[in-house]
């Protein structure tokens, strides 16, 4: 029987990170959680896990994020691979939100909820929802929210087809998601974001710098990201334009990251929406919102 060759992650990176992180503390936390029981609280029967997500290894971890090990180790590792400082990088997204008082925010591919938590802290009056395909990541996210006494709704779901009502969010975000999806999936995610936003709503995508990734193809192999080469060759700007967004702009963030944001255009001659923007300083105009099974979170409508 052939012996499986160790991955680059197993041979080189795992030993390095073992020196940087507190493995005993991670093990203690991991063993303190009944992962199957807690993940079951988030699992939705109507969510189909796509093959691009379930059949690939991410960061050298078998089955990617569909296991508790990824949920336990994600934060410990991400802090070292998001230079110069993970919180600073995520804060760049928060600072680019131009809607002063968003009432409903959706964080797609929220993972362990790091950006989601920052969104809620920045906009405490807003209903903030974090959506992810991995129920294990949502377990970790919920623990972090509980520790910080932060009120967030966590939802198991696919960013390509969320099930939320059309035009029911002011802001839609995604952080470190697109480099982990095939290009056609990223296109579907942005089309879904466009559908979900109210006219004048804003989408923000924070991820690796595509120009740098095109120049440094060796990064793809080191971090064992199955779709990162494809992502590096693409253009989030272009995909946003295809999805229908206007005022699309990408900025370099700390050289190795990029932040792309766009706006869902207002209907032509929609004076009612324009007046609402001027008087309420909010783009939310939808009269009803379907919470789709999220309990304990009232509709943001007034």
Protein backbone atom coordinates (compact mmCIF):
# COMPACT_ATOMS: atom_id res chain seq x y z
CA UNK A 1 0.00 0.00 0.00
CA UNK A 2 1.34 3.40 -0.98
CA UNK A 3 2.09 5.76 1.87
CA UNK A 4 0.43 9.14 1.54
CA UNK A 5 3.02 11.87 1.02
CA UNK A 6 2.97 14.50 3.69
CA UNK A 7 1.68 17.85 2.58
CA UNK A 8 3.73 21.03 2.70
CA UNK A 9 1.61 22.07 5.64
CA UNK A 10 2.40 18.91 7.57
CA UNK A 11 6.09 18.97 6.71
CA UNK A 12 6.91 22.62 7.29
CA UNK A 13 4.14 24.92 8.53
CA UNK A 14 2.53 22.78 11.24
CA UNK A 15 5.81 22.48 13.19
CA UNK A 16 6.33 26.24 12.98
CA UNK A 17 2.85 27.07 14.20
CA UNK A 18 3.17 24.55 17.01
CA UNK A 19 5.86 26.84 18.43
CA UNK A 20 3.68 29.94 18.15
CA UNK A 21 0.38 28.76 19.55
CA UNK A 22 -0.65 27.37 22.91
CA UNK A 23 -1.56 23.83 21.90
CA UNK A 24 -2.46 22.79 25.44
CA UNK A 25 -5.00 25.59 25.69
CA UNK A 26 -6.48 24.65 22.31
CA UNK A 27 -6.75 21.02 23.39
CA UNK A 28 -8.38 22.03 26.66
CA UNK A 29 -10.97 24.09 24.82
CA UNK A 30 -11.55 21.39 22.20
CA UNK A 31 -12.13 18.71 24.83
CA UNK A 32 -14.52 20.92 26.80
CA UNK A 33 -17.02 21.06 23.92
CA UNK A 34 -19.44 18.39 22.72
CA UNK A 35 -18.94 19.39 19.11
CA UNK A 36 -21.50 17.08 17.56
CA UNK A 37 -24.25 18.08 19.99
CA UNK A 38 -23.54 21.80 19.71
CA UNK A 39 -23.10 21.77 15.94
CA UNK A 40 -26.45 20.02 15.65
CA UNK A 41 -28.09 23.15 17.07
CA UNK A 42 -26.97 25.04 13.95
CA UNK A 43 -27.40 22.41 11.25
CA UNK A 44 -30.24 23.05 8.84
CA UNK A 45 -31.73 20.21 6.86
CA UNK A 46 -32.25 22.41 3.81
CA UNK A 47 -28.54 23.27 3.49
CA UNK A 48 -26.65 21.20 0.93
CA UNK A 49 -22.87 21.20 1.33
CA UNK A 50 -21.38 21.76 -2.16
CA UNK A 51 -18.66 19.45 -3.46
CA UNK A 52 -16.12 22.27 -3.90
CA UNK A 53 -16.29 22.72 -0.12
CA UNK A 54 -16.59 19.16 1.15
CA UNK A 55 -14.08 17.38 -1.11
CA UNK A 56 -11.10 19.71 -0.64
CA UNK A 57 -8.53 20.11 2.09
CA UNK A 58 -7.96 23.67 3.29
CA UNK A 59 -4.72 24.61 5.05
CA UNK A 60 -3.69 20.97 5.03
CA UNK A 61 -6.72 19.93 7.09
CA UNK A 62 -8.64 16.94 5.75
CA UNK A 63 -12.23 17.83 4.78
CA UNK A 64 -11.41 21.47 5.34
CA UNK A 65 -13.79 23.22 7.69
CA UNK A 66 -16.21 20.35 8.17
CA UNK A 67 -14.60 19.24 11.40
CA UNK A 68 -14.05 20.62 14.88
CA UNK A 69 -10.27 20.74 14.49
CA UNK A 70 -10.50 23.58 11.98
CA UNK A 71 -12.84 25.53 14.24
CA UNK A 72 -10.45 25.18 17.16
CA UNK A 73 -7.25 26.09 15.30
CA UNK A 74 -8.53 28.72 12.85
CA UNK A 75 -8.12 31.82 15.01
CA UNK A 76 -4.77 30.75 16.41
CA UNK A 77 -3.34 30.36 12.90
CA UNK A 78 -5.10 33.25 11.15
CA UNK A 79 -3.57 35.83 13.47
CA UNK A 80 -0.14 34.92 12.05
CA UNK A 81 -1.07 34.76 8.37
CA UNK A 82 -2.92 38.10 8.23
CA UNK A 83 -0.08 40.65 8.45
CA UNK A 84 0.66 43.05 9.92
CA UNK A 85 -2.16 42.56 12.43
CA UNK A 86 -5.39 40.63 11.91
CA UNK A 87 -7.57 43.10 13.80
CA UNK A 88 -6.14 46.08 11.90
CA UNK A 89 -6.86 44.36 8.59
CA UNK A 90 -10.44 43.51 9.51
CA UNK A 91 -10.95 47.04 10.85
CA UNK A 92 -10.25 48.39 7.36
CA UNK A 93 -13.51 46.80 6.23
CA UNK A 94 -15.43 48.29 9.14
CA UNK A 95 -14.03 51.74 8.42
CA UNK A 96 -15.16 51.59 4.77
CA UNK A 97 -18.83 51.16 5.63
CA UNK A 98 -20.40 54.42 4.51
CA UNK A 99 -23.91 53.82 5.83
CA UNK A 100 -23.96 55.61 9.16
CA UNK A 101 -26.81 53.63 10.73
CA UNK A 102 -27.28 50.27 9.01
CA UNK A 103 -30.21 48.35 10.42
CA UNK A 104 -29.37 44.88 9.14
CA UNK A 105 -25.91 43.47 8.25
CA UNK A 106 -25.07 40.05 6.81
CA UNK A 107 -21.55 38.61 7.08
CA UNK A 108 -21.13 35.84 4.49
CA UNK A 109 -18.71 32.99 5.15
CA UNK A 110 -18.32 34.33 8.67
CA UNK A 111 -16.17 31.44 9.92
CA UNK A 112 -15.44 31.84 13.62
CA UNK A 113 -17.09 35.26 13.59
CA UNK A 114 -14.11 37.60 14.01
CA UNK A 115 -15.36 40.20 11.52
CA UNK A 116 -18.98 39.58 12.53
CA UNK A 117 -18.20 40.51 16.12
CA UNK A 118 -16.43 43.67 15.02
CA UNK A 119 -19.43 44.63 12.88
CA UNK A 120 -21.76 44.33 15.85
CA UNK A 121 -19.41 46.28 18.08
CA UNK A 122 -19.17 49.06 15.48
CA UNK A 123 -22.93 49.14 14.87
CA UNK A 124 -24.58 47.99 18.12
CA UNK A 125 -28.01 49.15 16.96
CA UNK A 126 -27.94 46.86 13.93
CA UNK A 127 -29.12 43.29 13.66
CA UNK A 128 -26.00 41.39 12.60
CA UNK A 129 -26.16 37.89 11.12
CA UNK A 130 -23.19 35.61 10.47
CA UNK A 131 -23.68 32.85 7.87
CA UNK A 132 -21.36 29.91 7.24
CA UNK A 133 -21.41 26.44 5.67
CA UNK A 134 -19.62 24.86 8.62
CA UNK A 135 -21.71 24.27 11.75
CA UNK A 136 -18.46 23.67 13.64
CA UNK A 137 -17.22 27.16 12.82
CA UNK A 138 -20.56 28.53 13.99
CA UNK A 139 -20.15 26.75 17.32
CA UNK A 140 -16.82 28.52 17.83
CA UNK A 141 -18.32 31.83 16.69
CA UNK A 142 -21.19 31.49 19.16
CA UNK A 143 -18.76 30.85 22.02
CA UNK A 144 -16.80 33.98 21.16
CA UNK A 145 -20.00 36.02 21.04
CA UNK A 146 -21.10 34.66 24.42
CA UNK A 147 -17.70 35.43 25.96
CA UNK A 148 -17.95 39.05 24.81
CA UNK A 149 -21.68 39.31 25.60
CA UNK A 150 -22.37 40.20 21.97
CA UNK A 151 -25.80 39.62 20.45
CA UNK A 152 -25.40 38.04 17.00
CA UNK A 153 -27.53 35.58 15.02
CA UNK A 154 -25.52 32.67 13.62
CA UNK A 155 -26.99 30.83 10.66
CA UNK A 156 -25.98 27.67 8.83
CA UNK A 157 -26.21 28.39 5.14
CA UNK A 158 -24.69 28.73 1.69
CA UNK A 159 -23.62 32.22 0.65
CA UNK A 160 -24.72 31.44 -2.92
CA UNK A 161 -28.30 30.87 -1.84
CA UNK A 162 -28.98 32.21 1.63
CA UNK A 163 -32.76 31.92 1.71
CA UNK A 164 -33.18 35.46 3.02
CA UNK A 165 -35.75 37.79 1.54
CA UNK A 166 -34.80 40.08 -1.33
CA UNK A 167 -33.73 43.62 -0.39
CA UNK A 168 -33.54 42.87 3.33
CA UNK A 169 -30.01 44.04 4.24
CA UNK A 170 -28.25 47.40 4.29
CA UNK A 171 -24.73 45.94 4.26
CA UNK A 172 -23.32 42.60 3.09
CA UNK A 173 -19.71 41.65 3.84
CA UNK A 174 -17.32 38.77 3.19
CA UNK A 175 -13.84 38.43 4.71
CA UNK A 176 -11.24 35.91 3.54
CA UNK A 177 -13.93 33.98 1.67
CA UNK A 178 -13.34 34.49 -2.04
CA UNK A 179 -9.85 32.96 -2.17
CA UNK A 180 -11.40 29.75 -0.83
CA UNK A 181 -14.05 29.44 -3.54
CA UNK A 182 -13.97 28.76 -7.29
CA UNK A 183 -14.51 31.88 -9.41
CA UNK A 184 -17.99 30.81 -10.52
CA UNK A 185 -19.00 30.45 -6.86
CA UNK A 186 -17.72 33.95 -6.08
CA UNK A 187 -19.84 35.21 -8.96
CA UNK A 188 -22.90 33.50 -7.51
CA UNK A 189 -22.16 34.93 -4.05
CA UNK A 190 -22.01 38.48 -5.41
CA UNK A 191 -25.24 38.02 -7.35
CA UNK A 192 -26.86 36.82 -4.16
CA UNK A 193 -25.44 39.81 -2.26
CA UNK A 194 -26.92 42.11 -4.90
CA UNK A 195 -30.32 40.45 -4.47
CA UNK A 196 -30.19 40.77 -0.70
CA UNK A 197 -29.23 44.44 -0.56
CA UNK A 198 -31.68 47.30 -0.52
CA UNK A 199 -31.18 49.96 -3.23
CA UNK A 200 -28.20 52.02 -2.10
CA UNK A 201 -26.90 49.15 0.05
CA UNK A 202 -23.20 48.40 0.23
CA UNK A 203 -21.17 45.22 -0.30
CA UNK A 204 -17.59 44.87 0.98
CA UNK A 205 -15.16 42.06 0.13
CA UNK A 206 -11.89 41.78 2.08
CA UNK A 207 -9.37 39.21 0.89
CA UNK A 208 -5.89 38.57 -0.42
CA UNK A 209 -4.39 41.05 -2.88
CA UNK A 210 -4.98 39.57 -6.34
CA UNK A 211 -2.10 41.48 -7.91
CA UNK A 212 0.36 40.14 -5.32
CA UNK A 213 -0.96 36.60 -5.66
CA UNK A 214 -0.42 36.71 -9.42
CA UNK A 215 3.17 37.70 -8.77
CA UNK A 216 3.79 35.22 -5.93
CA UNK A 217 2.29 31.94 -7.13
CA UNK A 218 4.33 29.93 -4.59
CA UNK A 219 1.95 31.15 -1.87
CA UNK A 220 -0.72 28.87 -3.31
CA UNK A 221 1.36 25.79 -2.54
CA UNK A 222 2.53 26.83 0.89
CA UNK A 223 -0.89 27.50 2.36
CA UNK A 224 -2.60 24.67 0.49
CA UNK A 225 -5.52 26.68 -0.76
CA UNK A 226 -7.16 24.76 -3.62
CA UNK A 227 -8.67 27.81 -5.32
CA UNK A 228 -6.22 30.59 -4.56
CA UNK A 229 -4.45 30.48 -7.94
CA UNK A 230 -7.79 30.83 -9.66
CA UNK A 231 -8.68 33.69 -7.34
CA UNK A 232 -5.36 35.45 -7.96
CA UNK A 233 -5.87 35.38 -11.72
CA UNK A 234 -9.31 36.94 -11.44
CA UNK A 235 -10.73 40.37 -10.64
CA UNK A 236 -13.25 40.99 -7.88
CA UNK A 237 -13.93 44.38 -9.47
CA UNK A 238 -14.99 42.78 -12.73
CA UNK A 239 -17.21 40.21 -11.03
CA UNK A 240 -18.88 42.95 -9.01
CA UNK A 241 -19.63 44.84 -12.19
CA UNK A 242 -21.19 41.75 -13.75
CA UNK A 243 -23.35 41.30 -10.65
CA UNK A 244 -24.72 44.81 -11.12
CA UNK A 245 -22.85 46.83 -8.52
CA UNK A 246 -21.82 50.42 -9.21
CA UNK A 247 -19.12 52.68 -7.75
CA UNK A 248 -16.88 49.60 -7.50
CA UNK A 249 -13.49 50.34 -6.03
CA UNK A 250 -10.58 48.18 -4.83
CA UNK A 251 -7.91 49.45 -2.45
CA UNK A 252 -4.68 47.77 -1.41
CA UNK A 253 -4.64 47.05 2.32
CA UNK A 254 -1.22 46.65 3.94
CA UNK A 255 0.21 45.58 0.57
CA UNK A 256 -0.88 41.92 0.83
CA UNK A 257 -4.64 42.38 1.18
CA UNK A 258 -7.33 44.18 -0.79
CA UNK A 259 -10.75 45.62 0.00
CA UNK A 260 -13.36 45.89 -2.74
CA UNK A 261 -16.65 47.62 -2.19
CA UNK A 262 -19.61 48.54 -4.34
CA UNK A 263 -23.14 49.91 -4.12
CA UNK A 264 -26.42 48.54 -5.35
CA UNK A 265 -27.73 51.39 -7.51
CA UNK A 266 -30.95 53.20 -6.76
CA UNK A 267 -33.81 52.77 -9.21
CA UNK A 268 -34.00 55.63 -11.71
CA UNK A 269 -36.18 58.50 -10.47
CA UNK A 270 -36.82 56.78 -7.14
CA UNK A 271 -37.49 59.96 -5.20
CA UNK A 272 -39.03 58.12 -2.26
CA UNK A 273 -35.81 56.22 -1.60
CA UNK A 274 -33.73 59.35 -2.06
CA UNK A 275 -35.88 61.22 0.44
CA UNK A 276 -35.60 58.34 2.88
CA UNK A 277 -31.82 58.42 2.59
CA UNK A 278 -31.76 62.12 3.31
CA UNK A 279 -34.12 62.04 6.29
CA UNK A 280 -33.20 58.77 8.01
CA UNK A 281 -29.52 58.45 7.06
CA UNK A 282 -30.26 54.81 6.33
CA UNK A 283 -30.88 52.96 3.10
CA UNK A 284 -33.33 50.50 4.62
CA UNK A 285 -36.77 50.98 3.03
CA UNK A 286 -38.18 47.45 2.80
CA UNK A 287 -41.49 47.32 4.74
CA UNK A 288 -41.22 43.67 5.86
CA UNK A 289 -38.39 41.26 6.51
CA UNK A 290 -38.55 37.46 6.62
CA UNK A 291 -36.33 36.28 9.46
CA UNK A 292 -36.28 32.76 8.01
CA UNK A 293 -36.20 30.89 11.27
CA UNK A 294 -33.85 33.16 13.20
CA UNK A 295 -35.34 33.25 16.67
CA UNK A 296 -35.10 36.12 19.08
CA UNK A 297 -34.20 38.78 16.52
CA UNK A 298 -36.98 41.18 15.70
CA UNK A 299 -37.41 42.68 12.26
CA UNK A 300 -35.41 45.89 11.80
CA UNK A 301 -38.34 47.60 10.13
CA UNK A 302 -40.08 50.53 11.77
